[in-house]
C-alpha atoms as a PDB file:
ATOM      1  CA  MET A   1     -71.461-150.674 146.723  1.00  0.00           C
ATOM      2  CA  ARG A   2     -71.560-146.916 146.053  1.00  0.00           C
ATOM      3  CA  PRO A   3     -68.897-144.892 147.936  1.00  0.00           C
ATOM      4  CA  LEU A   4     -69.847-143.388 151.283  1.00  0.00           C
ATOM      5  CA  VAL A   5     -69.522-139.581 151.361  1.00  0.00           C
ATOM      6  CA  SER A   6     -68.882-137.832 154.692  1.00  0.00           C
ATOM      7  CA  ILE A   7     -70.281-134.295 154.903  1.00  0.00           C
ATOM      8  CA  LEU A   8     -68.300-132.572 157.657  1.00  0.00           C
ATOM      9  CA  ILE A   9     -69.596-129.365 159.238  1.00  0.00           C
ATOM     10  CA  PRO A  10     -67.642-127.316 161.814  1.00  0.00           C
ATOM     11  CA  ALA A  11     -69.932-124.839 163.587  1.00  0.00           C
ATOM     12  CA  TYR A  12     -69.444-121.895 165.918  1.00  0.00           C
ATOM     13  CA  ASN A  13     -72.214-119.435 166.827  1.00  0.00           C
ATOM     14  CA  ALA A  14     -74.126-120.337 163.665  1.00  0.00           C
ATOM     15  CA  GLU A  15     -77.669-120.743 165.036  1.00  0.00           C
ATOM     16  CA  LYS A  16     -79.087-118.414 162.344  1.00  0.00           C
ATOM     17  CA  TRP A  17     -77.735-120.452 159.423  1.00  0.00           C
ATOM     18  CA  ILE A  18     -76.861-124.010 160.405  1.00  0.00           C
ATOM     19  CA  ALA A  19     -80.381-125.323 159.772  1.00  0.00           C
ATOM     20  CA  ASP A  20     -80.092-124.255 156.114  1.00  0.00           C
ATOM     21  CA  ALA A  21     -76.683-125.909 155.819  1.00  0.00           C
ATOM     22  CA  LEU A  22     -77.931-129.132 157.401  1.00  0.00           C
ATOM     23  CA  ARG A  23     -81.059-129.268 155.253  1.00  0.00           C
ATOM     24  CA  SER A  24     -78.876-128.957 152.159  1.00  0.00           C
ATOM     25  CA  ALA A  25     -76.725-131.836 153.419  1.00  0.00           C
ATOM     26  CA  VAL A  26     -79.648-134.077 154.404  1.00  0.00           C
ATOM     27  CA  ASN A  27     -81.397-133.453 151.076  1.00  0.00           C
ATOM     28  CA  GLN A  28     -78.437-134.399 148.906  1.00  0.00           C
ATOM     29  CA  SER A  29     -79.548-136.690 146.104  1.00  0.00           C
ATOM     30  CA  TRP A  30     -76.460-138.838 146.768  1.00  0.00           C
ATOM     31  CA  THR A  31     -78.070-141.158 149.310  1.00  0.00           C
ATOM     32  CA  ARG A  32     -75.041-143.000 150.695  1.00  0.00           C
ATOM     33  CA  LYS A  33     -73.791-140.311 153.067  1.00  0.00           C
ATOM     34  CA  GLU A  34     -73.072-139.494 156.679  1.00  0.00           C
ATOM     35  CA  ILE A  35     -73.247-135.996 158.156  1.00  0.00           C
ATOM     36  CA  ILE A  36     -71.052-135.023 161.102  1.00  0.00           C
ATOM     37  CA  VAL A  37     -71.392-131.696 162.926  1.00  0.00           C
ATOM     38  CA  ILE A  38     -68.781-130.486 165.396  1.00  0.00           C
ATOM     39  CA  ASP A  39     -70.040-127.663 167.587  1.00  0.00           C
ATOM     40  CA  ASP A  40     -66.906-125.732 168.551  1.00  0.00           C
ATOM     41  CA  GLY A  41     -68.096-124.478 171.929  1.00  0.00           C
ATOM     42  CA  SER A  42     -70.784-122.143 170.566  1.00  0.00           C
ATOM     43  CA  LYS A  43     -72.287-119.566 172.940  1.00  0.00           C
ATOM     44  CA  ASP A  44     -75.632-119.450 171.157  1.00  0.00           C
ATOM     45  CA  ARG A  45     -78.164-122.186 170.200  1.00  0.00           C
ATOM     46  CA  THR A  46     -76.033-123.741 167.455  1.00  0.00           C
ATOM     47  CA  LEU A  47     -75.753-127.057 169.300  1.00  0.00           C
ATOM     48  CA  ALA A  48     -79.485-127.279 170.006  1.00  0.00           C
ATOM     49  CA  VAL A  49     -80.411-126.501 166.402  1.00  0.00           C
ATOM     50  CA  ALA A  50     -77.943-129.089 165.097  1.00  0.00           C
ATOM     51  CA  GLN A  51     -79.177-131.723 167.564  1.00  0.00           C
ATOM     52  CA  SER A  52     -82.718-131.273 166.240  1.00  0.00           C
ATOM     53  CA  PHE A  53     -81.452-132.859 162.989  1.00  0.00           C
ATOM     54  CA  GLU A  54     -79.846-135.918 164.638  1.00  0.00           C
ATOM     55  CA  SER A  55     -80.700-139.255 163.029  1.00  0.00           C
ATOM     56  CA  ASP A  56     -79.016-142.398 161.791  1.00  0.00           C
ATOM     57  CA  THR A  57     -77.365-140.193 159.150  1.00  0.00           C
ATOM     58  CA  VAL A  58     -76.651-137.026 161.171  1.00  0.00           C
ATOM     59  CA  LYS A  59     -74.319-137.120 164.184  1.00  0.00           C
ATOM     60  CA  VAL A  60     -73.623-134.070 166.351  1.00  0.00           C
ATOM     61  CA  PHE A  61     -70.698-133.624 168.731  1.00  0.00           C
ATOM     62  CA  THR A  62     -69.507-130.712 170.827  1.00  0.00           C
ATOM     63  CA  GLN A  63     -66.085-129.665 172.070  1.00  0.00           C
ATOM     64  CA  LYS A  64     -64.433-126.803 173.925  1.00  0.00           C
ATOM     65  CA  ASN A  65     -63.793-123.868 171.592  1.00  0.00           C
ATOM     66  CA  GLN A  66     -60.546-124.564 169.698  1.00  0.00           C
ATOM     67  CA  GLY A  67     -61.109-122.901 166.332  1.00  0.00           C
ATOM     68  CA  ALA A  68     -62.397-123.996 162.941  1.00  0.00           C
ATOM     69  CA  ALA A  69     -59.328-126.025 161.944  1.00  0.00           C
ATOM     70  CA  ALA A  70     -59.450-128.114 165.131  1.00  0.00           C
ATOM     71  CA  ALA A  71     -63.185-128.697 164.630  1.00  0.00           C
ATOM     72  CA  ARG A  72     -62.559-129.859 161.053  1.00  0.00           C
ATOM     73  CA  ASN A  73     -59.844-132.250 162.225  1.00  0.00           C
ATOM     74  CA  CYS A  74     -62.191-133.648 164.865  1.00  0.00           C
ATOM     75  CA  ALA A  75     -64.940-134.160 162.278  1.00  0.00           C
ATOM     76  CA  PHE A  76     -62.597-136.011 159.936  1.00  0.00           C
ATOM     77  CA  ALA A  77     -61.369-138.267 162.776  1.00  0.00           C
ATOM     78  CA  LYS A  78     -64.961-139.331 163.436  1.00  0.00           C
ATOM     79  CA  SER A  79     -65.801-139.901 159.753  1.00  0.00           C
ATOM     80  CA  ARG A  80     -65.824-143.173 157.785  1.00  0.00           C
ATOM     81  CA  GLY A  81     -66.442-141.901 154.262  1.00  0.00           C
ATOM     82  CA  ASP A  82     -64.609-142.870 151.112  1.00  0.00           C
ATOM     83  CA  TYR A  83     -65.000-139.221 150.051  1.00  0.00           C
ATOM     84  CA  ILE A  84     -65.027-136.035 152.107  1.00  0.00           C
ATOM     85  CA  GLN A  85     -67.339-133.063 151.564  1.00  0.00           C
ATOM     86  CA  TRP A  86     -66.409-130.056 153.715  1.00  0.00           C
ATOM     87  CA  LEU A  87     -69.285-127.662 154.438  1.00  0.00           C
ATOM     88  CA  ASP A  88     -69.203-124.504 156.559  1.00  0.00           C
ATOM     89  CA  ALA A  89     -72.204-124.007 158.812  1.00  0.00           C
ATOM     90  CA  ASP A  90     -73.472-120.936 156.947  1.00  0.00           C
ATOM     91  CA  ASP A  91     -73.191-122.254 153.380  1.00  0.00           C
ATOM     92  CA  ILE A  92     -75.497-124.408 151.249  1.00  0.00           C
ATOM     93  CA  LEU A  93     -74.986-127.323 148.866  1.00  0.00           C
ATOM     94  CA  GLY A  94     -77.002-127.605 145.665  1.00  0.00           C
ATOM     95  CA  ARG A  95     -79.216-130.693 145.916  1.00  0.00           C
ATOM     96  CA  ASP A  96     -77.232-132.785 143.411  1.00  0.00           C
ATOM     97  CA  LYS A  97     -73.814-131.265 144.108  1.00  0.00           C
ATOM     98  CA  ILE A  98     -72.255-134.474 145.390  1.00  0.00           C
ATOM     99  CA  ALA A  99     -74.105-136.770 142.968  1.00  0.00           C
ATOM    100  CA  ARG A 100     -72.862-134.851 139.920  1.00  0.00           C
ATOM    101  CA  GLN A 101     -69.292-134.989 141.135  1.00  0.00           C
ATOM    102  CA  MET A 102     -69.422-138.670 142.049  1.00  0.00           C
ATOM    103  CA  GLU A 103     -70.982-139.505 138.666  1.00  0.00           C
ATOM    104  CA  ALA A 104     -68.256-137.504 136.911  1.00  0.00           C
ATOM    105  CA  LEU A 105     -65.630-139.648 138.630  1.00  0.00           C
ATOM    106  CA  GLY A 106     -67.105-142.807 137.086  1.00  0.00           C
ATOM    107  CA  GLU A 107     -67.358-146.331 138.412  1.00  0.00           C
ATOM    108  CA  SER A 108     -63.598-146.701 138.981  1.00  0.00           C
ATOM    109  CA  PRO A 109     -62.624-143.283 140.351  1.00  0.00           C
ATOM    110  CA  ASN A 110     -58.998-142.191 140.633  1.00  0.00           C
ATOM    111  CA  PRO A 111     -58.568-141.376 144.362  1.00  0.00           C
ATOM    112  CA  ARG A 112     -55.776-138.921 143.506  1.00  0.00           C
ATOM    113  CA  LEU A 113     -58.082-136.753 141.397  1.00  0.00           C
ATOM    114  CA  LEU A 114     -59.358-133.622 143.164  1.00  0.00           C
ATOM    115  CA  VAL A 115     -62.888-132.598 142.151  1.00  0.00           C
ATOM    116  CA  SER A 116     -64.301-129.055 142.165  1.00  0.00           C
ATOM    117  CA  GLY A 117     -67.475-127.334 141.025  1.00  0.00           C
ATOM    118  CA  GLU A 118     -69.407-124.098 140.655  1.00  0.00           C
ATOM    119  CA  TRP A 119     -70.002-121.610 143.465  1.00  0.00           C
ATOM    120  CA  ALA A 120     -71.706-118.244 143.921  1.00  0.00           C
ATOM    121  CA  ARG A 121     -72.037-115.679 146.696  1.00  0.00           C
ATOM    122  CA  PHE A 122     -75.377-114.738 148.213  1.00  0.00           C
ATOM    123  CA  LEU A 123     -76.468-112.282 150.907  1.00  0.00           C
ATOM    124  CA  HIS A 124     -79.756-113.677 152.211  1.00  0.00           C
ATOM    125  CA  THR A 125     -81.585-115.553 149.463  1.00  0.00           C
ATOM    126  CA  PRO A 126     -79.642-118.371 147.716  1.00  0.00           C
ATOM    127  CA  SER A 127     -81.798-118.192 144.591  1.00  0.00           C
ATOM    128  CA  HIS A 128     -80.460-114.660 143.995  1.00  0.00           C
ATOM    129  CA  ALA A 129     -76.869-115.948 143.694  1.00  0.00           C
ATOM    130  CA  LYS A 130     -75.166-115.387 140.348  1.00  0.00           C
ATOM    131  CA  PHE A 131     -72.648-117.992 139.193  1.00  0.00           C
ATOM    132  CA  THR A 132     -69.732-116.211 137.518  1.00  0.00           C
ATOM    133  CA  PRO A 133     -66.920-118.438 136.148  1.00  0.00           C
ATOM    134  CA  SER A 134     -63.282-117.681 136.923  1.00  0.00           C
ATOM    135  CA  GLY A 135     -60.094-119.021 135.359  1.00  0.00           C
ATOM    136  CA  LEU A 136     -60.196-121.881 137.883  1.00  0.00           C
ATOM    137  CA  TRP A 137     -63.455-123.302 136.516  1.00  0.00           C
ATOM    138  CA  ARG A 138     -61.815-125.955 134.356  1.00  0.00           C
ATOM    139  CA  ASP A 139     -59.614-129.033 134.503  1.00  0.00           C
ATOM    140  CA  LEU A 140     -56.081-128.052 135.511  1.00  0.00           C
ATOM    141  CA  ALA A 141     -52.812-129.598 136.620  1.00  0.00           C
ATOM    142  CA  GLY A 142     -51.843-128.773 140.198  1.00  0.00           C
ATOM    143  CA  PRO A 143     -49.089-126.184 139.568  1.00  0.00           C
ATOM    144  CA  GLU A 144     -51.178-124.407 136.915  1.00  0.00           C
ATOM    145  CA  TRP A 145     -54.223-124.255 139.203  1.00  0.00           C
ATOM    146  CA  LEU A 146     -52.283-122.771 142.117  1.00  0.00           C
ATOM    147  CA  MET A 147     -50.434-120.285 139.914  1.00  0.00           C
ATOM    148  CA  LEU A 148     -53.703-119.050 138.396  1.00  0.00           C
ATOM    149  CA  LYS A 149     -55.253-118.721 141.845  1.00  0.00           C
ATOM    150  CA  MET A 150     -52.406-116.539 143.065  1.00  0.00           C
ATOM    151  CA  GLU A 151     -51.941-114.583 139.852  1.00  0.00           C
ATOM    152  CA  GLN A 152     -55.633-113.782 139.298  1.00  0.00           C
ATOM    153  CA  ASN A 153     -56.632-113.336 142.957  1.00  0.00           C
ATOM    154  CA  ALA A 154     -59.186-116.130 142.475  1.00  0.00           C
ATOM    155  CA  PHE A 155     -60.236-118.980 144.749  1.00  0.00           C
ATOM    156  CA  MET A 156     -62.584-121.922 145.072  1.00  0.00           C
ATOM    157  CA  GLN A 157     -64.945-121.875 148.038  1.00  0.00           C
ATOM    158  CA  THR A 158     -64.377-124.593 150.659  1.00  0.00           C
ATOM    159  CA  ALA A 159     -67.507-126.608 149.874  1.00  0.00           C
ATOM    160  CA  THR A 160     -66.824-126.823 146.124  1.00  0.00           C
ATOM    161  CA  TRP A 161     -64.297-129.608 146.644  1.00  0.00           C
ATOM    162  CA  LEU A 162     -64.923-133.335 146.868  1.00  0.00           C
ATOM    163  CA  VAL A 163     -61.850-135.167 148.135  1.00  0.00           C
ATOM    164  CA  SER A 164     -61.124-138.880 148.438  1.00  0.00           C
ATOM    165  CA  ARG A 165     -60.178-140.174 151.856  1.00  0.00           C
ATOM    166  CA  GLN A 166     -56.818-141.281 150.485  1.00  0.00           C
ATOM    167  CA  LEU A 167     -56.057-137.770 149.231  1.00  0.00           C
ATOM    168  CA  THR A 168     -57.323-136.219 152.471  1.00  0.00           C
ATOM    169  CA  GLU A 169     -55.002-138.397 154.532  1.00  0.00           C
ATOM    170  CA  SER A 170     -52.066-137.609 152.250  1.00  0.00           C
ATOM    171  CA  ALA A 171     -52.582-133.855 152.695  1.00  0.00           C
ATOM    172  CA  GLY A 172     -52.442-134.009 156.484  1.00  0.00           C
ATOM    173  CA  PRO A 173     -54.602-132.159 159.046  1.00  0.00           C
ATOM    174  CA  TRP A 174     -55.923-128.611 158.951  1.00  0.00           C
ATOM    175  CA  ASP A 175     -53.520-126.114 160.557  1.00  0.00           C
ATOM    176  CA  PRO A 176     -55.006-124.701 163.811  1.00  0.00           C
ATOM    177  CA  ARG A 177     -52.599-121.728 163.690  1.00  0.00           C
ATOM    178  CA  LEU A 178     -54.524-120.316 160.749  1.00  0.00           C
ATOM    179  CA  LEU A 179     -57.384-118.285 162.209  1.00  0.00           C
ATOM    180  CA  VAL A 180     -58.110-117.051 158.681  1.00  0.00           C
ATOM    181  CA  ASP A 181     -57.527-118.586 155.234  1.00  0.00           C
ATOM    182  CA  ASP A 182     -57.189-122.037 156.771  1.00  0.00           C
ATOM    183  CA  ASP A 183     -59.006-123.469 153.754  1.00  0.00           C
ATOM    184  CA  GLY A 184     -56.726-121.685 151.265  1.00  0.00           C
ATOM    185  CA  GLU A 185     -53.628-123.178 152.857  1.00  0.00           C
ATOM    186  CA  TYR A 186     -55.192-126.609 153.415  1.00  0.00           C
ATOM    187  CA  PHE A 187     -56.279-127.096 149.818  1.00  0.00           C
ATOM    188  CA  CYS A 188     -52.800-126.105 148.629  1.00  0.00           C
ATOM    189  CA  ARG A 189     -51.589-129.263 150.368  1.00  0.00           C
ATOM    190  CA  VAL A 190     -54.460-131.332 148.995  1.00  0.00           C
ATOM    191  CA  LEU A 191     -53.616-130.013 145.543  1.00  0.00           C
ATOM    192  CA  MET A 192     -49.925-130.892 145.943  1.00  0.00           C
ATOM    193  CA  ALA A 193     -50.864-134.463 146.860  1.00  0.00           C
ATOM    194  CA  SER A 194     -53.256-134.784 143.926  1.00  0.00           C
ATOM    195  CA  GLU A 195     -52.871-135.627 140.243  1.00  0.00           C
ATOM    196  CA  GLY A 196     -54.788-132.513 139.232  1.00  0.00           C
ATOM    197  CA  VAL A 197     -58.238-130.916 139.407  1.00  0.00           C
ATOM    198  CA  HIS A 198     -61.356-132.090 137.581  1.00  0.00           C
ATOM    199  CA  PHE A 199     -64.040-129.387 137.336  1.00  0.00           C
ATOM    200  CA  VAL A 200     -67.678-130.515 137.198  1.00  0.00           C
ATOM    201  CA  TRP A 201     -70.259-128.127 135.749  1.00  0.00           C
ATOM    202  CA  GLY A 202     -73.626-128.110 137.492  1.00  0.00           C
ATOM    203  CA  SER A 203     -72.294-129.149 140.924  1.00  0.00           C
ATOM    204  CA  LYS A 204     -73.266-125.983 142.782  1.00  0.00           C
ATOM    205  CA  VAL A 205     -72.418-124.400 146.133  1.00  0.00           C
ATOM    206  CA  TYR A 206     -74.004-121.275 147.643  1.00  0.00           C
ATOM    207  CA  TYR A 207     -71.517-119.216 149.674  1.00  0.00           C
ATOM    208  CA  ARG A 208     -72.979-116.807 152.215  1.00  0.00           C
ATOM    209  CA  GLN A 209     -71.268-113.422 151.921  1.00  0.00           C
ATOM    210  CA  PRO A 210     -68.780-112.967 154.832  1.00  0.00           C
ATOM    211  CA  ARG A 211     -69.783-110.564 157.593  1.00  0.00           C
ATOM    212  CA  ALA A 212     -68.374-109.291 160.887  1.00  0.00           C
ATOM    213  CA  GLY A 213     -67.770-112.310 163.109  1.00  0.00           C
ATOM    214  CA  SER A 214     -67.387-114.825 160.279  1.00  0.00           C
ATOM    215  CA  LEU A 215     -64.188-116.840 159.945  1.00  0.00           C
ATOM    216  CA  SER A 216     -62.902-114.977 156.880  1.00  0.00           C
ATOM    217  CA  TYR A 217     -63.589-111.513 158.361  1.00  0.00           C
ATOM    218  CA  ILE A 218     -60.350-109.925 159.611  1.00  0.00           C
ATOM    219  CA  GLY A 219     -61.587-106.582 160.937  1.00  0.00           C
ATOM    220  CA  ARG A 220     -59.294-105.288 163.694  1.00  0.00           C
ATOM    221  CA  SER A 221     -57.802-108.681 164.582  1.00  0.00           C
ATOM    222  CA  ASN A 222     -54.004-108.665 164.716  1.00  0.00           C
ATOM    223  CA  ALA A 223     -54.028-112.413 165.336  1.00  0.00           C
ATOM    224  CA  LYS A 224     -55.887-112.936 162.050  1.00  0.00           C
ATOM    225  CA  ARG A 225     -53.450-110.668 160.183  1.00  0.00           C
ATOM    226  CA  GLU A 226     -50.544-112.714 161.525  1.00  0.00           C
ATOM    227  CA  ALA A 227     -52.338-115.899 160.464  1.00  0.00           C
ATOM    228  CA  LEU A 228     -52.920-114.430 157.015  1.00  0.00           C
ATOM    229  CA  TRP A 229     -49.235-113.570 156.661  1.00  0.00           C
ATOM    230  CA  LEU A 230     -48.327-117.148 157.625  1.00  0.00           C
ATOM    231  CA  SER A 231     -50.737-118.463 154.990  1.00  0.00           C
ATOM    232  CA  MET A 232     -49.285-116.071 152.402  1.00  0.00           C
ATOM    233  CA  LYS A 233     -45.752-117.333 153.055  1.00  0.00           C
ATOM    234  CA  LEU A 234     -46.908-120.938 152.890  1.00  0.00           C
ATOM    235  CA  HIS A 235     -48.730-120.314 149.591  1.00  0.00           C
ATOM    236  CA  VAL A 236     -45.554-118.917 148.037  1.00  0.00           C
ATOM    237  CA  GLY A 237     -43.481-121.812 149.335  1.00  0.00           C
ATOM    238  CA  TYR A 238     -45.951-124.442 148.129  1.00  0.00           C
ATOM    239  CA  LEU A 239     -46.141-123.060 144.601  1.00  0.00           C
ATOM    240  CA  ARG A 240     -42.363-122.686 144.314  1.00  0.00           C
ATOM    241  CA  SER A 241     -41.915-126.276 145.513  1.00  0.00           C
ATOM    242  CA  MET A 242     -44.035-127.387 142.527  1.00  0.00           C
ATOM    243  CA  GLU A 243     -42.413-125.086 139.982  1.00  0.00           C
ATOM    244  CA  ASP A 244     -39.843-122.339 140.526  1.00  0.00           C
ATOM    245  CA  SER A 245     -39.811-120.396 137.275  1.00  0.00           C
ATOM    246  CA  ALA A 246     -39.897-116.722 136.326  1.00  0.00           C
ATOM    247  CA  ARG A 247     -43.657-116.881 135.682  1.00  0.00           C
ATOM    248  CA  VAL A 248     -44.259-118.500 139.067  1.00  0.00           C
ATOM    249  CA  ARG A 249     -42.209-115.876 140.900  1.00  0.00           C
ATOM    250  CA  ALA A 250     -44.116-113.129 139.074  1.00  0.00           C
ATOM    251  CA  ALA A 251     -47.430-114.758 140.098  1.00  0.00           C
ATOM    252  CA  CYS A 252     -46.215-114.868 143.712  1.00  0.00           C
ATOM    253  CA  VAL A 253     -45.440-111.143 143.654  1.00  0.00           C
ATOM    254  CA  ARG A 254     -48.923-110.385 142.281  1.00  0.00           C
ATOM    255  CA  TYR A 255     -50.415-112.545 145.013  1.00  0.00           C
ATOM    256  CA  LEU A 256     -48.500-110.640 147.699  1.00  0.00           C
ATOM    257  CA  GLN A 257     -49.637-107.347 146.160  1.00  0.00           C
ATOM    258  CA  ASN A 258     -53.290-108.451 146.174  1.00  0.00           C
ATOM    259  CA  CYS A 259     -53.104-109.472 149.841  1.00  0.00           C
ATOM    260  CA  LEU A 260     -51.167-106.407 151.015  1.00  0.00           C
ATOM    261  CA  VAL A 261     -54.329-104.331 151.473  1.00  0.00           C
ATOM    262  CA  LEU A 262     -55.339-106.706 154.298  1.00  0.00           C
ATOM    263  CA  LEU A 263     -52.106-105.943 156.195  1.00  0.00           C
ATOM    264  CA  TYR A 264     -51.706-102.233 155.472  1.00  0.00           C
ATOM    265  CA  PRO A 265     -51.579 -99.874 157.303  1.00  0.00           C
ATOM    266  CA  GLU A 266     -52.367-101.690 160.569  1.00  0.00           C
ATOM    267  CA  ARG A 267     -49.262-103.932 160.497  1.00  0.00           C
ATOM    268  CA  PRO A 268     -46.236-102.146 159.014  1.00  0.00           C
ATOM    269  CA  ASP A 269     -43.996-104.959 160.281  1.00  0.00           C
ATOM    270  CA  LEU A 270     -45.870-107.514 158.157  1.00  0.00           C
ATOM    271  CA  VAL A 271     -45.900-105.115 155.208  1.00  0.00           C
ATOM    272  CA  ASP A 272     -42.098-104.844 155.467  1.00  0.00           C
ATOM    273  CA  MET A 273     -41.747-108.627 155.516  1.00  0.00           C
ATOM    274  CA  ALA A 274     -44.025-108.953 152.485  1.00  0.00           C
ATOM    275  CA  GLN A 275     -41.903-106.368 150.671  1.00  0.00           C
ATOM    276  CA  GLN A 276     -38.742-108.259 151.537  1.00  0.00           C
ATOM    277  CA  LEU A 277     -40.215-111.484 150.175  1.00  0.00           C
ATOM    278  CA  ALA A 278     -41.318-109.698 146.993  1.00  0.00           C
ATOM    279  CA  VAL A 279     -37.780-108.384 146.476  1.00  0.00           C
ATOM    280  CA  GLU A 280     -36.383-111.901 146.948  1.00  0.00           C
ATOM    281  CA  LEU A 281     -38.804-112.998 144.207  1.00  0.00           C
ATOM    282  CA  GLY A 282     -37.518-110.281 141.893  1.00  0.00           C
ATOM    283  CA  GLY A 283     -40.420-107.871 142.311  1.00  0.00           C
ATOM    284  CA  TRP A 284     -41.651-104.860 144.282  1.00  0.00           C
ATOM    285  CA  LEU A 285     -44.898-104.081 146.094  1.00  0.00           C
ATOM    286  CA  GLU A 286     -46.787-100.811 145.766  1.00  0.00           C
ATOM    287  CA  ILE A 287     -48.352 -99.403 148.932  1.00  0.00           C
ATOM    288  CA  PRO A 288     -52.173 -99.738 148.711  1.00  0.00           C
ATOM    289  CA  GLN A 289     -54.053 -96.478 148.251  1.00  0.00           C
ATOM    290  CA  TYR A 290     -57.336 -95.521 149.862  1.00  0.00           C
ATOM    291  CA  PRO A 291     -60.289 -94.888 147.551  1.00  0.00           C
ATOM    292  CA  ARG A 292     -60.405 -91.204 146.645  1.00  0.00           C
ATOM    293  CA  THR A 293     -63.266 -90.608 149.099  1.00  0.00           C
ATOM    294  CA  TYR A 294     -61.016 -91.364 152.075  1.00  0.00           C
ATOM    295  CA  VAL A 295     -57.711 -89.788 150.987  1.00  0.00           C
ATOM    296  CA  TRP A 296     -58.506 -86.351 152.456  1.00  0.00           C
ATOM    297  CA  ILE A 297     -59.657 -87.988 155.719  1.00  0.00           C
ATOM    298  CA  ASP A 298     -56.339 -89.838 155.918  1.00  0.00           C
ATOM    299  CA  ASN A 299     -54.423 -86.603 155.269  1.00  0.00           C
ATOM    300  CA  LEU A 300     -56.357 -84.612 157.899  1.00  0.00           C
ATOM    301  CA  PHE A 301     -57.060 -87.135 160.631  1.00  0.00           C
ATOM    302  CA  GLY A 302     -54.757 -90.105 159.992  1.00  0.00           C
ATOM    303  CA  TRP A 303     -55.206 -93.636 158.705  1.00  0.00           C
ATOM    304  CA  ARG A 304     -56.995 -94.960 161.803  1.00  0.00           C
ATOM    305  CA  VAL A 305     -59.914 -92.568 161.353  1.00  0.00           C
ATOM    306  CA  ALA A 306     -59.977 -93.164 157.586  1.00  0.00           C
ATOM    307  CA  ARG A 307     -59.974 -96.945 158.028  1.00  0.00           C
ATOM    308  CA  GLN A 308     -62.711 -96.831 160.669  1.00  0.00           C
ATOM    309  CA  LEU A 309     -64.952 -94.712 158.468  1.00  0.00           C
ATOM    310  CA  GLN A 310     -64.273 -97.013 155.527  1.00  0.00           C
ATOM    311  CA  ARG A 311     -65.217-100.078 157.588  1.00  0.00           C
ATOM    312  CA  THR A 312     -68.358 -98.377 158.851  1.00  0.00           C
ATOM    313  CA  ALA A 313     -69.426 -97.440 155.323  1.00  0.00           C
ATOM    314  CA  GLN A 314     -68.750-100.966 154.051  1.00  0.00           C
ATOM    315  CA  GLY A 315     -70.666-102.530 156.941  1.00  0.00           C
ATOM    316  CA  THR A 316     -73.620-100.195 156.366  1.00  0.00           C
ATOM    317  CA  ARG A 317     -73.642-101.015 152.669  1.00  0.00           C
ATOM    318  CA  ARG A 318     -73.618-104.761 153.373  1.00  0.00           C
ATOM    319  CA  TRP A 319     -76.473-104.333 155.860  1.00  0.00           C
ATOM    320  CA  VAL A 320     -78.555-102.381 153.328  1.00  0.00           C
ATOM    321  CA  LEU A 321     -77.874-104.883 150.542  1.00  0.00           C
ATOM    322  CA  ARG A 322     -78.649-107.862 152.769  1.00  0.00           C
ATOM    323  CA  ASN A 323     -81.966-106.393 153.867  1.00  0.00           C
ATOM    324  CA  CYS A 324     -82.856-105.403 150.301  1.00  0.00           C
ATOM    325  CA  ASP A 325     -82.089-108.963 149.258  1.00  0.00           C
ATOM    326  CA  ARG A 326     -84.255-110.305 152.078  1.00  0.00           C
ATOM    327  CA  MET A 327     -87.177-108.166 150.897  1.00  0.00           C
ATOM    328  CA  GLY A 328     -86.618-108.948 147.217  1.00  0.00           C
ATOM    329  CA  ILE A 329     -85.662-105.347 146.387  1.00  0.00           C
ATOM    330  CA  GLN A 330     -83.032-104.699 143.701  1.00  0.00           C
ATOM    331  CA  PRO A 331     -81.033-101.576 144.726  1.00  0.00           C
ATOM    332  CA  ARG A 332     -80.586 -98.894 142.088  1.00  0.00           C
ATOM    333  CA  GLY A 333     -77.525 -99.684 139.986  1.00  0.00           C
ATOM    334  CA  GLY A 334     -77.758-103.418 140.690  1.00  0.00           C
ATOM    335  CA  ARG A 335     -76.392-105.484 143.531  1.00  0.00           C
ATOM    336  CA  SER A 336     -72.777-106.483 143.952  1.00  0.00           C
ATOM    337  CA  VAL A 337     -72.023-109.383 146.251  1.00  0.00           C
END
């Protein structure tokens, strides 16, 4: 019998997008599947939209709001699949995403092999997404994969992975303390429990560009910055537990430098701790600089005003690009997503 694949979808205030995510799950060419949605106490019509898809294959549950990690853990507890496909409620699976990965595993799959695939960002229209390979788009041993991720500031989107139940159980549950980057930390543990990553070309995922209110958006949230710092420390510890060499320590310092812009200048205490860790690793972090446009604002009015204006400009740009994408208009100079 072909393996059963569980597609697990945590959802919170996703009424605008969850129908697209569910259609992509229902329409998977891999027919032996179950789809489980956990509504995490949404305040909009997410639950009603999800329930409209209920069938023998699609099961929908609701719980008091506890965060994405808790919803993921609940979904896994209710699943029966031999393989697990995580899918956020605003993202989309290519129709043969799972089938390509299952076929690549062969008839006697190694349950310790972690499988990944292609992904691309989109704003409104998935067909406009451009798939751009990174250094992680290939077969890699665990330590090499994690080092490249941290060194090159690269990542694999949550839905790209296909994970055996055995490997999922070995990695342990999602960490509910992590209000941001919960997937980054979780897949470090999956990776550590695995025998390496097998990349499958043609297995595609469409990742909706983050926006205010999405899980990966930090904005003004101090709680999310503290969660990010916890994830950063865990990343460094995980990689060093796999290999503690000069090249690994250098990659850890580069990773801390790349993430520092998300902590500075709002949390000088976390910046100081990141600097201390970098020094322990034999490196040093440079304070992030504002783009030239905002330097004079910082000098005259302070960093709070400069940061607010920067956020406003970025939000306006995203709004313009999203609406241009919706209308099929290519902005002058191209579109960056």
